[in-house]
């Protein structure tokens, strides 16, 4: 599945993979589950 940048996801994910940085970081931290990894 693919979503708009910053969109609310159906569920939190186990891991987020980042190469964008400042523009997406807040969303990455919100998207990962407790105990997950970025």
ModelCIF file with pLDDT and N, C-alpha, C, O atoms, coordinates in Angstrom:
data_MODEL
#
_entry.id   MODEL 
#
_entity.id                         1 
_entity.type                       polymer 
_entity.pdbx_number_of_molecules   1 
#
_entity_poly.entity_id                      1 
_entity_poly.type                           'polypeptide(L)' 
_entity_poly.nstd_linkage                   no 
_entity_poly.nstd_monomer                   no 
_entity_poly.pdbx_seq_one_letter_code       
;(UNK)(UNK)(UNK)(UNK)(UNK)(UNK)(UNK)(UNK)(UNK)(UNK)(UNK)(UNK)(UNK)(UNK)(UNK)(UNK)
(UNK)(UNK)(UNK)(UNK)(UNK)(UNK)(UNK)(UNK)(UNK)(UNK)(UNK)(UNK)(UNK)(UNK)(UNK)(UNK)
(UNK)(UNK)(UNK)(UNK)(UNK)(UNK)
;
_entity_poly.pdbx_seq_one_letter_code_can   XXXXXXXXXXXXXXXXXXXXXXXXXXXXXXXXXXXXXX 
_entity_poly.pdbx_strand_id                 A 
#
loop_
_entity_poly_seq.entity_id 
_entity_poly_seq.num 
_entity_poly_seq.mon_id 
_entity_poly_seq.hetero 
1 1  UNK n 
1 2  UNK n 
1 3  UNK n 
1 4  UNK n 
1 5  UNK n 
1 6  UNK n 
1 7  UNK n 
1 8  UNK n 
1 9  UNK n 
1 10 UNK n 
1 11 UNK n 
1 12 UNK n 
1 13 UNK n 
1 14 UNK n 
1 15 UNK n 
1 16 UNK n 
1 17 UNK n 
1 18 UNK n 
1 19 UNK n 
1 20 UNK n 
1 21 UNK n 
1 22 UNK n 
1 23 UNK n 
1 24 UNK n 
1 25 UNK n 
1 26 UNK n 
1 27 UNK n 
1 28 UNK n 
1 29 UNK n 
1 30 UNK n 
1 31 UNK n 
1 32 UNK n 
1 33 UNK n 
1 34 UNK n 
1 35 UNK n 
1 36 UNK n 
1 37 UNK n 
1 38 UNK n 
#
_struct_asym.id          A 
_struct_asym.entity_id   1 
#
loop_
_ma_qa_metric.id 
_ma_qa_metric.mode 
_ma_qa_metric.name 
_ma_qa_metric.software_group_id 
_ma_qa_metric.type 
1 global pLDDT . pLDDT 
2 local  pLDDT . pLDDT 
#
_ma_qa_metric_global.metric_id      1 
_ma_qa_metric_global.metric_value   95.84 
_ma_qa_metric_global.model_id       1 
_ma_qa_metric_global.ordinal_id     1 
#
loop_
_ma_qa_metric_local.label_asym_id 
_ma_qa_metric_local.label_comp_id 
_ma_qa_metric_local.label_seq_id 
_ma_qa_metric_local.metric_id 
_ma_qa_metric_local.metric_value 
_ma_qa_metric_local.model_id 
_ma_qa_metric_local.ordinal_id 
A UNK 1  2 98.00 1 1  
A UNK 2  2 98.00 1 2  
A UNK 3  2 98.00 1 3  
A UNK 4  2 97.00 1 4  
A UNK 5  2 95.00 1 5  
A UNK 6  2 95.00 1 6  
A UNK 7  2 95.00 1 7  
A UNK 8  2 96.00 1 8  
A UNK 9  2 97.00 1 9  
A UNK 10 2 97.00 1 10 
A UNK 11 2 97.00 1 11 
A UNK 12 2 98.00 1 12 
A UNK 13 2 98.00 1 13 
A UNK 14 2 98.00 1 14 
A UNK 15 2 98.00 1 15 
A UNK 16 2 98.00 1 16 
A UNK 17 2 98.00 1 17 
A UNK 18 2 96.00 1 18 
A UNK 19 2 92.00 1 19 
A UNK 20 2 90.00 1 20 
A UNK 21 2 87.00 1 21 
A UNK 22 2 89.00 1 22 
A UNK 23 2 89.00 1 23 
A UNK 24 2 91.00 1 24 
A UNK 25 2 94.00 1 25 
A UNK 26 2 94.00 1 26 
A UNK 27 2 96.00 1 27 
A UNK 28 2 96.00 1 28 
A UNK 29 2 97.00 1 29 
A UNK 30 2 97.00 1 30 
A UNK 31 2 97.00 1 31 
A UNK 32 2 98.00 1 32 
A UNK 33 2 98.00 1 33 
A UNK 34 2 98.00 1 34 
A UNK 35 2 98.00 1 35 
A UNK 36 2 98.00 1 36 
A UNK 37 2 98.00 1 37 
A UNK 38 2 98.00 1 38 
#
loop_
_atom_site.group_PDB 
_atom_site.id 
_atom_site.type_symbol 
_atom_site.label_atom_id 
_atom_site.label_alt_id 
_atom_site.label_comp_id 
_atom_site.label_asym_id 
_atom_site.label_entity_id 
_atom_site.label_seq_id 
_atom_site.pdbx_PDB_ins_code 
_atom_site.Cartn_x 
_atom_site.Cartn_y 
_atom_site.Cartn_z 
_atom_site.occupancy 
_atom_site.B_iso_or_equiv 
_atom_site.pdbx_formal_charge 
_atom_site.auth_seq_id 
_atom_site.auth_comp_id 
_atom_site.auth_asym_id 
_atom_site.auth_atom_id 
_atom_site.pdbx_PDB_model_num 
ATOM 1   N N  . UNK A 1 1  ? 0.863  -1.191 0.000  1.00 98.00 ? 1  UNK A N  1 
ATOM 2   C CA . UNK A 1 1  ? 0.000  0.000  0.000  1.00 98.00 ? 1  UNK A CA 1 
ATOM 3   C C  . UNK A 1 1  ? 0.892  1.231  0.000  1.00 98.00 ? 1  UNK A C  1 
ATOM 4   O O  . UNK A 1 1  ? 2.035  1.192  0.456  1.00 98.00 ? 1  UNK A O  1 
ATOM 5   N N  . UNK A 1 2  ? 0.341  2.334  -0.526 1.00 98.00 ? 2  UNK A N  1 
ATOM 6   C CA . UNK A 1 2  ? 1.089  3.595  -0.562 1.00 98.00 ? 2  UNK A CA 1 
ATOM 7   C C  . UNK A 1 2  ? 0.164  4.717  -0.116 1.00 98.00 ? 2  UNK A C  1 
ATOM 8   O O  . UNK A 1 2  ? -1.030 4.706  -0.415 1.00 98.00 ? 2  UNK A O  1 
ATOM 9   N N  . UNK A 1 3  ? 0.722  5.683  0.599  1.00 98.00 ? 3  UNK A N  1 
ATOM 10  C CA . UNK A 1 3  ? -0.044 6.751  1.219  1.00 98.00 ? 3  UNK A CA 1 
ATOM 11  C C  . UNK A 1 3  ? 0.592  8.103  0.930  1.00 98.00 ? 3  UNK A C  1 
ATOM 12  O O  . UNK A 1 3  ? 1.773  8.188  0.592  1.00 98.00 ? 3  UNK A O  1 
ATOM 13  N N  . UNK A 1 4  ? -0.200 9.153  1.065  1.00 97.00 ? 4  UNK A N  1 
ATOM 14  C CA . UNK A 1 4  ? 0.342  10.497 0.954  1.00 97.00 ? 4  UNK A CA 1 
ATOM 15  C C  . UNK A 1 4  ? 1.338  10.740 2.084  1.00 97.00 ? 4  UNK A C  1 
ATOM 16  O O  . UNK A 1 4  ? 1.192  10.194 3.177  1.00 97.00 ? 4  UNK A O  1 
ATOM 17  N N  . UNK A 1 5  ? 2.339  11.556 1.816  1.00 95.00 ? 5  UNK A N  1 
ATOM 18  C CA . UNK A 1 5  ? 3.314  11.905 2.839  1.00 95.00 ? 5  UNK A CA 1 
ATOM 19  C C  . UNK A 1 5  ? 2.614  12.532 4.037  1.00 95.00 ? 5  UNK A C  1 
ATOM 20  O O  . UNK A 1 5  ? 1.854  13.489 3.886  1.00 95.00 ? 5  UNK A O  1 
ATOM 21  N N  . UNK A 1 6  ? 2.867  11.998 5.223  1.00 95.00 ? 6  UNK A N  1 
ATOM 22  C CA . UNK A 1 6  ? 2.273  12.522 6.444  1.00 95.00 ? 6  UNK A CA 1 
ATOM 23  C C  . UNK A 1 6  ? 0.901  11.985 6.766  1.00 95.00 ? 6  UNK A C  1 
ATOM 24  O O  . UNK A 1 6  ? 0.333  12.360 7.792  1.00 95.00 ? 6  UNK A O  1 
ATOM 25  N N  . UNK A 1 7  ? 0.336  11.116 5.930  1.00 95.00 ? 7  UNK A N  1 
ATOM 26  C CA . UNK A 1 7  ? -1.028 10.618 6.132  1.00 95.00 ? 7  UNK A CA 1 
ATOM 27  C C  . UNK A 1 7  ? -1.108 9.692  7.342  1.00 95.00 ? 7  UNK A C  1 
ATOM 28  O O  . UNK A 1 7  ? -0.135 9.023  7.690  1.00 95.00 ? 7  UNK A O  1 
ATOM 29  N N  . UNK A 1 8  ? -2.254 9.660  7.966  1.00 96.00 ? 8  UNK A N  1 
ATOM 30  C CA . UNK A 1 8  ? -2.521 8.706  9.053  1.00 96.00 ? 8  UNK A CA 1 
ATOM 31  C C  . UNK A 1 8  ? -2.589 7.304  8.452  1.00 96.00 ? 8  UNK A C  1 
ATOM 32  O O  . UNK A 1 8  ? -3.283 7.086  7.459  1.00 96.00 ? 8  UNK A O  1 
ATOM 33  N N  . UNK A 1 9  ? -1.888 6.378  9.034  1.00 97.00 ? 9  UNK A N  1 
ATOM 34  C CA . UNK A 1 9  ? -1.826 5.022  8.505  1.00 97.00 ? 9  UNK A CA 1 
ATOM 35  C C  . UNK A 1 9  ? -2.891 4.127  9.146  1.00 97.00 ? 9  UNK A C  1 
ATOM 36  O O  . UNK A 1 9  ? -3.398 4.459  10.218 1.00 97.00 ? 9  UNK A O  1 
ATOM 37  N N  . UNK A 1 10 ? -3.238 3.013  8.522  1.00 97.00 ? 10 UNK A N  1 
ATOM 38  C CA . UNK A 1 10 ? -4.226 2.106  9.111  1.00 97.00 ? 10 UNK A CA 1 
ATOM 39  C C  . UNK A 1 10 ? -3.805 1.558  10.465 1.00 97.00 ? 10 UNK A C  1 
ATOM 40  O O  . UNK A 1 10 ? -4.653 1.236  11.297 1.00 97.00 ? 10 UNK A O  1 
ATOM 41  N N  . UNK A 1 11 ? -2.503 1.450  10.691 1.00 97.00 ? 11 UNK A N  1 
ATOM 42  C CA . UNK A 1 11 ? -1.991 0.931  11.957 1.00 97.00 ? 11 UNK A CA 1 
ATOM 43  C C  . UNK A 1 11 ? -0.552 1.404  12.108 1.00 97.00 ? 11 UNK A C  1 
ATOM 44  O O  . UNK A 1 11 ? 0.058  1.851  11.136 1.00 97.00 ? 11 UNK A O  1 
ATOM 45  N N  . UNK A 1 12 ? -0.014 1.312  13.298 1.00 98.00 ? 12 UNK A N  1 
ATOM 46  C CA . UNK A 1 12 ? 1.393  1.622  13.486 1.00 98.00 ? 12 UNK A CA 1 
ATOM 47  C C  . UNK A 1 12 ? 2.248  0.471  12.968 1.00 98.00 ? 12 UNK A C  1 
ATOM 48  O O  . UNK A 1 12 ? 1.824  -0.685 12.957 1.00 98.00 ? 12 UNK A O  1 
ATOM 49  N N  . UNK A 1 13 ? 3.444  0.810  12.547 1.00 98.00 ? 13 UNK A N  1 
ATOM 50  C CA . UNK A 1 13 ? 4.309  -0.168 11.891 1.00 98.00 ? 13 UNK A CA 1 
ATOM 51  C C  . UNK A 1 13 ? 5.422  -0.612 12.844 1.00 98.00 ? 13 UNK A C  1 
ATOM 52  O O  . UNK A 1 13 ? 5.712  0.050  13.841 1.00 98.00 ? 13 UNK A O  1 
ATOM 53  N N  . UNK A 1 14 ? 6.036  -1.755 12.506 1.00 98.00 ? 14 UNK A N  1 
ATOM 54  C CA . UNK A 1 14 ? 7.141  -2.267 13.314 1.00 98.00 ? 14 UNK A CA 1 
ATOM 55  C C  . UNK A 1 14 ? 8.424  -1.466 13.089 1.00 98.00 ? 14 UNK A C  1 
ATOM 56  O O  . UNK A 1 14 ? 9.238  -1.312 13.999 1.00 98.00 ? 14 UNK A O  1 
ATOM 57  N N  . UNK A 1 15 ? 8.592  -0.960 11.870 1.00 98.00 ? 15 UNK A N  1 
ATOM 58  C CA . UNK A 1 15 ? 9.798  -0.212 11.571 1.00 98.00 ? 15 UNK A CA 1 
ATOM 59  C C  . UNK A 1 15 ? 9.561  0.824  10.495 1.00 98.00 ? 15 UNK A C  1 
ATOM 60  O O  . UNK A 1 15 ? 8.782  0.598  9.569  1.00 98.00 ? 15 UNK A O  1 
ATOM 61  N N  . UNK A 1 16 ? 10.229 1.963  10.613 1.00 98.00 ? 16 UNK A N  1 
ATOM 62  C CA . UNK A 1 16 ? 10.189 3.013  9.599  1.00 98.00 ? 16 UNK A CA 1 
ATOM 63  C C  . UNK A 1 16 ? 11.601 3.171  9.034  1.00 98.00 ? 16 UNK A C  1 
ATOM 64  O O  . UNK A 1 16 ? 12.584 3.136  9.774  1.00 98.00 ? 16 UNK A O  1 
ATOM 65  N N  . UNK A 1 17 ? 11.686 3.345  7.718  1.00 98.00 ? 17 UNK A N  1 
ATOM 66  C CA . UNK A 1 17 ? 12.973 3.457  7.044  1.00 98.00 ? 17 UNK A CA 1 
ATOM 67  C C  . UNK A 1 17 ? 13.073 4.836  6.421  1.00 98.00 ? 17 UNK A C  1 
ATOM 68  O O  . UNK A 1 17 ? 12.316 5.193  5.518  1.00 98.00 ? 17 UNK A O  1 
ATOM 69  N N  . UNK A 1 18 ? 14.022 5.597  6.927  1.00 96.00 ? 18 UNK A N  1 
ATOM 70  C CA . UNK A 1 18 ? 14.124 7.039  6.668  1.00 96.00 ? 18 UNK A CA 1 
ATOM 71  C C  . UNK A 1 18 ? 15.368 7.386  5.859  1.00 96.00 ? 18 UNK A C  1 
ATOM 72  O O  . UNK A 1 18 ? 16.474 6.959  6.186  1.00 96.00 ? 18 UNK A O  1 
ATOM 73  N N  . UNK A 1 19 ? 15.174 8.166  4.800  1.00 92.00 ? 19 UNK A N  1 
ATOM 74  C CA . UNK A 1 19 ? 16.289 8.826  4.125  1.00 92.00 ? 19 UNK A CA 1 
ATOM 75  C C  . UNK A 1 19 ? 15.931 10.271 3.801  1.00 92.00 ? 19 UNK A C  1 
ATOM 76  O O  . UNK A 1 19 ? 16.736 10.992 3.212  1.00 92.00 ? 19 UNK A O  1 
ATOM 77  N N  . UNK A 1 20 ? 14.724 10.701 4.184  1.00 90.00 ? 20 UNK A N  1 
ATOM 78  C CA . UNK A 1 20 ? 14.232 12.041 3.858  1.00 90.00 ? 20 UNK A CA 1 
ATOM 79  C C  . UNK A 1 20 ? 14.649 13.058 4.914  1.00 90.00 ? 20 UNK A C  1 
ATOM 80  O O  . UNK A 1 20 ? 15.124 14.142 4.576  1.00 90.00 ? 20 UNK A O  1 
ATOM 81  N N  . UNK A 1 21 ? 14.474 12.714 6.203  1.00 87.00 ? 21 UNK A N  1 
ATOM 82  C CA . UNK A 1 21 ? 14.916 13.600 7.266  1.00 87.00 ? 21 UNK A CA 1 
ATOM 83  C C  . UNK A 1 21 ? 13.853 14.540 7.767  1.00 87.00 ? 21 UNK A C  1 
ATOM 84  O O  . UNK A 1 21 ? 12.751 14.112 8.112  1.00 87.00 ? 21 UNK A O  1 
ATOM 85  N N  . UNK A 1 22 ? 14.173 15.830 7.812  1.00 89.00 ? 22 UNK A N  1 
ATOM 86  C CA . UNK A 1 22 ? 13.348 16.820 8.499  1.00 89.00 ? 22 UNK A CA 1 
ATOM 87  C C  . UNK A 1 22 ? 11.897 16.813 8.029  1.00 89.00 ? 22 UNK A C  1 
ATOM 88  O O  . UNK A 1 22 ? 10.984 16.964 8.840  1.00 89.00 ? 22 UNK A O  1 
ATOM 89  N N  . UNK A 1 23 ? 11.682 16.642 6.747  1.00 89.00 ? 23 UNK A N  1 
ATOM 90  C CA . UNK A 1 23 ? 10.331 16.729 6.179  1.00 89.00 ? 23 UNK A CA 1 
ATOM 91  C C  . UNK A 1 23 ? 9.406  15.611 6.657  1.00 89.00 ? 23 UNK A C  1 
ATOM 92  O O  . UNK A 1 23 ? 8.196  15.815 6.750  1.00 89.00 ? 23 UNK A O  1 
ATOM 93  N N  . UNK A 1 24 ? 9.952  14.440 6.959  1.00 91.00 ? 24 UNK A N  1 
ATOM 94  C CA . UNK A 1 24 ? 9.114  13.286 7.307  1.00 91.00 ? 24 UNK A CA 1 
ATOM 95  C C  . UNK A 1 24 ? 9.352  12.760 8.713  1.00 91.00 ? 24 UNK A C  1 
ATOM 96  O O  . UNK A 1 24 ? 8.656  11.839 9.139  1.00 91.00 ? 24 UNK A O  1 
ATOM 97  N N  . UNK A 1 25 ? 10.313 13.313 9.449  1.00 94.00 ? 25 UNK A N  1 
ATOM 98  C CA . UNK A 1 25 ? 10.710 12.716 10.727 1.00 94.00 ? 25 UNK A CA 1 
ATOM 99  C C  . UNK A 1 25 ? 9.576  12.670 11.752 1.00 94.00 ? 25 UNK A C  1 
ATOM 100 O O  . UNK A 1 25 ? 9.399  11.655 12.427 1.00 94.00 ? 25 UNK A O  1 
ATOM 101 N N  . UNK A 1 26 ? 8.817  13.741 11.877 1.00 94.00 ? 26 UNK A N  1 
ATOM 102 C CA . UNK A 1 26 ? 7.718  13.753 12.847 1.00 94.00 ? 26 UNK A CA 1 
ATOM 103 C C  . UNK A 1 26 ? 6.719  12.647 12.527 1.00 94.00 ? 26 UNK A C  1 
ATOM 104 O O  . UNK A 1 26 ? 6.224  11.969 13.427 1.00 94.00 ? 26 UNK A O  1 
ATOM 105 N N  . UNK A 1 27 ? 6.428  12.470 11.243 1.00 96.00 ? 27 UNK A N  1 
ATOM 106 C CA . UNK A 1 27 ? 5.501  11.407 10.835 1.00 96.00 ? 27 UNK A CA 1 
ATOM 107 C C  . UNK A 1 27 ? 6.091  10.031 11.141 1.00 96.00 ? 27 UNK A C  1 
ATOM 108 O O  . UNK A 1 27 ? 5.375  9.128  11.575 1.00 96.00 ? 27 UNK A O  1 
ATOM 109 N N  . UNK A 1 28 ? 7.392  9.873  10.916 1.00 96.00 ? 28 UNK A N  1 
ATOM 110 C CA . UNK A 1 28 ? 8.033  8.590  11.207 1.00 96.00 ? 28 UNK A CA 1 
ATOM 111 C C  . UNK A 1 28 ? 7.901  8.235  12.681 1.00 96.00 ? 28 UNK A C  1 
ATOM 112 O O  . UNK A 1 28 ? 7.620  7.086  13.022 1.00 96.00 ? 28 UNK A O  1 
ATOM 113 N N  . UNK A 1 29 ? 8.102  9.213  13.556 1.00 97.00 ? 29 UNK A N  1 
ATOM 114 C CA . UNK A 1 29 ? 8.016  8.953  14.992 1.00 97.00 ? 29 UNK A CA 1 
ATOM 115 C C  . UNK A 1 29 ? 6.576  8.645  15.416 1.00 97.00 ? 29 UNK A C  1 
ATOM 116 O O  . UNK A 1 29 ? 6.359  7.876  16.353 1.00 97.00 ? 29 UNK A O  1 
ATOM 117 N N  . UNK A 1 30 ? 5.608  9.232  14.742 1.00 97.00 ? 30 UNK A N  1 
ATOM 118 C CA . UNK A 1 30 ? 4.203  8.936  15.061 1.00 97.00 ? 30 UNK A CA 1 
ATOM 119 C C  . UNK A 1 30 ? 3.769  7.588  14.487 1.00 97.00 ? 30 UNK A C  1 
ATOM 120 O O  . UNK A 1 30 ? 2.879  6.932  15.028 1.00 97.00 ? 30 UNK A O  1 
ATOM 121 N N  . UNK A 1 31 ? 4.403  7.182  13.390 1.00 97.00 ? 31 UNK A N  1 
ATOM 122 C CA . UNK A 1 31 ? 3.941  5.989  12.672 1.00 97.00 ? 31 UNK A CA 1 
ATOM 123 C C  . UNK A 1 31 ? 4.436  4.685  13.282 1.00 97.00 ? 31 UNK A C  1 
ATOM 124 O O  . UNK A 1 31 ? 3.832  3.637  13.058 1.00 97.00 ? 31 UNK A O  1 
ATOM 125 N N  . UNK A 1 32 ? 5.526  4.727  14.050 1.00 98.00 ? 32 UNK A N  1 
ATOM 126 C CA . UNK A 1 32 ? 6.112  3.493  14.566 1.00 98.00 ? 32 UNK A CA 1 
ATOM 127 C C  . UNK A 1 32 ? 5.421  3.074  15.874 1.00 98.00 ? 32 UNK A C  1 
ATOM 128 O O  . UNK A 1 32 ? 5.041  3.919  16.685 1.00 98.00 ? 32 UNK A O  1 
ATOM 129 N N  . UNK A 1 33 ? 5.270  1.782  16.059 1.00 98.00 ? 33 UNK A N  1 
ATOM 130 C CA . UNK A 1 33 ? 4.605  1.252  17.262 1.00 98.00 ? 33 UNK A CA 1 
ATOM 131 C C  . UNK A 1 33 ? 5.514  1.385  18.488 1.00 98.00 ? 33 UNK A C  1 
ATOM 132 O O  . UNK A 1 33 ? 6.725  1.558  18.349 1.00 98.00 ? 33 UNK A O  1 
ATOM 133 N N  . UNK A 1 34 ? 4.929  1.304  19.688 1.00 98.00 ? 34 UNK A N  1 
ATOM 134 C CA . UNK A 1 34 ? 5.765  1.252  20.886 1.00 98.00 ? 34 UNK A CA 1 
ATOM 135 C C  . UNK A 1 34 ? 6.754  0.088  20.803 1.00 98.00 ? 34 UNK A C  1 
ATOM 136 O O  . UNK A 1 34 ? 6.378  -1.038 20.476 1.00 98.00 ? 34 UNK A O  1 
ATOM 137 N N  . UNK A 1 35 ? 8.001  0.370  21.098 1.00 98.00 ? 35 UNK A N  1 
ATOM 138 C CA . UNK A 1 35 ? 9.023  -0.651 21.013 1.00 98.00 ? 35 UNK A CA 1 
ATOM 139 C C  . UNK A 1 35 ? 9.552  -0.892 19.617 1.00 98.00 ? 35 UNK A C  1 
ATOM 140 O O  . UNK A 1 35 ? 10.385 -1.775 19.414 1.00 98.00 ? 35 UNK A O  1 
ATOM 141 N N  . UNK A 1 36 ? 9.076  -0.113 18.644 1.00 98.00 ? 36 UNK A N  1 
ATOM 142 C CA . UNK A 1 36 ? 9.503  -0.281 17.257 1.00 98.00 ? 36 UNK A CA 1 
ATOM 143 C C  . UNK A 1 36 ? 10.810 0.425  16.978 1.00 98.00 ? 36 UNK A C  1 
ATOM 144 O O  . UNK A 1 36 ? 11.469 0.929  17.887 1.00 98.00 ? 36 UNK A O  1 
ATOM 145 N N  . UNK A 1 37 ? 11.179 0.456  15.693 1.00 98.00 ? 37 UNK A N  1 
ATOM 146 C CA . UNK A 1 37 ? 12.482 0.970  15.312 1.00 98.00 ? 37 UNK A CA 1 
ATOM 147 C C  . UNK A 1 37 ? 12.356 1.925  14.133 1.00 98.00 ? 37 UNK A C  1 
ATOM 148 O O  . UNK A 1 37 ? 11.550 1.708  13.228 1.00 98.00 ? 37 UNK A O  1 
ATOM 149 N N  . UNK A 1 38 ? 13.162 2.984  14.152 1.00 98.00 ? 38 UNK A N  1 
ATOM 150 C CA . UNK A 1 38 ? 13.313 3.884  13.011 1.00 98.00 ? 38 UNK A CA 1 
ATOM 151 C C  . UNK A 1 38 ? 14.773 3.776  12.562 1.00 98.00 ? 38 UNK A C  1 
ATOM 152 O O  . UNK A 1 38 ? 15.176 4.439  11.606 1.00 98.00 ? 38 UNK A O  1 
#
